[in-house]
């Protein structure tokens, strides 16, 4: 398990998440969206597949077919969700 910081510019908020580095990012993205919506009591409308994620340090788009480890994420990594 690793801890990552997720920035959501459209909401002007940041969140810390504990994620399993061996799980594919597609699943992690969906879990993150669900948790943010629950925390903010909002409903996710639209197509989740249009929501992208970048590594804030490397500026590389996250490949959702790969795990967090395969994307080079580690504890302390910062992600942008947009």
Protein backbone atom coordinates (compact mmCIF):
# COMPACT_ATOMS: atom_id res chain seq x y z
CA UNK A 1 0.00 0.00 0.00
CA UNK A 2 1.15 3.51 -0.82
CA UNK A 3 -0.16 6.98 0.01
CA UNK A 4 -0.71 9.41 -2.88
CA UNK A 5 -2.01 12.97 -2.99
CA UNK A 6 -4.78 13.57 -5.52
CA UNK A 7 -5.48 17.11 -6.67
CA UNK A 8 -8.85 17.90 -8.25
CA UNK A 9 -8.46 21.35 -9.88
CA UNK A 10 -12.16 21.65 -10.81
CA UNK A 11 -13.05 21.41 -7.12
CA UNK A 12 -9.96 23.26 -5.88
CA UNK A 13 -9.30 20.40 -3.43
CA UNK A 14 -6.62 17.86 -2.59
CA UNK A 15 -7.03 14.45 -1.01
CA UNK A 16 -4.71 11.81 0.37
CA UNK A 17 -5.49 8.24 -0.64
CA UNK A 18 -4.02 4.91 0.36
CA UNK A 19 -3.92 2.69 -2.71
CA UNK A 20 -2.67 -0.79 -3.51
CA UNK A 21 0.26 -0.44 -5.88
CA UNK A 22 -0.58 -3.77 -7.54
CA UNK A 23 -4.15 -2.85 -8.59
CA UNK A 24 -4.78 -1.48 -12.10
CA UNK A 25 -5.32 2.25 -12.18
CA UNK A 26 -8.74 1.86 -13.86
CA UNK A 27 -10.07 0.39 -10.60
CA UNK A 28 -8.19 2.91 -8.47
CA UNK A 29 -9.57 5.84 -10.48
CA UNK A 30 -13.13 4.59 -9.95
CA UNK A 31 -12.55 4.12 -6.22
CA UNK A 32 -11.06 7.61 -5.93
CA UNK A 33 -14.02 9.14 -7.79
CA UNK A 34 -16.48 7.28 -5.56
CA UNK A 35 -14.70 8.36 -2.36
CA UNK A 36 -14.49 12.01 -3.45
CA UNK A 37 -18.20 12.02 -4.33
CA UNK A 38 -19.14 10.45 -1.00
CA UNK A 39 -16.94 12.88 0.92
CA UNK A 40 -18.43 15.89 -0.88
CA UNK A 41 -21.96 14.49 -1.08
CA UNK A 42 -22.04 14.90 -4.83
CA UNK A 43 -23.08 12.68 -7.68
CA UNK A 44 -20.76 11.76 -10.54
CA UNK A 45 -22.53 12.57 -13.78
CA UNK A 46 -21.18 11.75 -17.19
CA UNK A 47 -18.75 9.19 -18.53
CA UNK A 48 -16.02 8.21 -16.05
CA UNK A 49 -13.78 7.10 -18.90
CA UNK A 50 -13.38 10.78 -19.86
CA UNK A 51 -11.73 11.57 -16.51
CA UNK A 52 -7.98 11.51 -16.90
CA UNK A 53 -5.18 11.36 -14.36
CA UNK A 54 -1.61 12.67 -14.55
CA UNK A 55 1.48 12.21 -12.43
CA UNK A 56 2.13 15.78 -11.24
CA UNK A 57 5.88 15.19 -10.97
CA UNK A 58 6.58 13.61 -14.36
CA UNK A 59 3.63 15.25 -16.18
CA UNK A 60 2.85 11.86 -17.73
CA UNK A 61 -0.70 10.65 -18.21
CA UNK A 62 -1.52 7.60 -16.11
CA UNK A 63 -2.08 4.42 -18.10
CA UNK A 64 -5.25 2.96 -16.62
CA UNK A 65 -4.44 -0.53 -17.90
CA UNK A 66 -1.31 -0.65 -15.70
CA UNK A 67 -0.95 -0.87 -11.94
CA UNK A 68 0.15 2.04 -9.79
CA UNK A 69 3.61 0.46 -9.48
CA UNK A 70 3.86 -0.04 -13.24
CA UNK A 71 2.98 3.65 -13.68
CA UNK A 72 5.92 4.50 -11.40
CA UNK A 73 3.81 5.69 -8.47
CA UNK A 74 5.17 5.43 -4.94
CA UNK A 75 4.31 6.83 -1.53
CA UNK A 76 4.34 10.60 -1.77
CA UNK A 77 3.41 10.71 -5.46
CA UNK A 78 1.06 13.51 -6.47
CA UNK A 79 -1.68 12.96 -9.02
CA UNK A 80 -3.99 15.34 -10.86
CA UNK A 81 -7.54 14.17 -11.59
CA UNK A 82 -9.31 16.13 -14.33
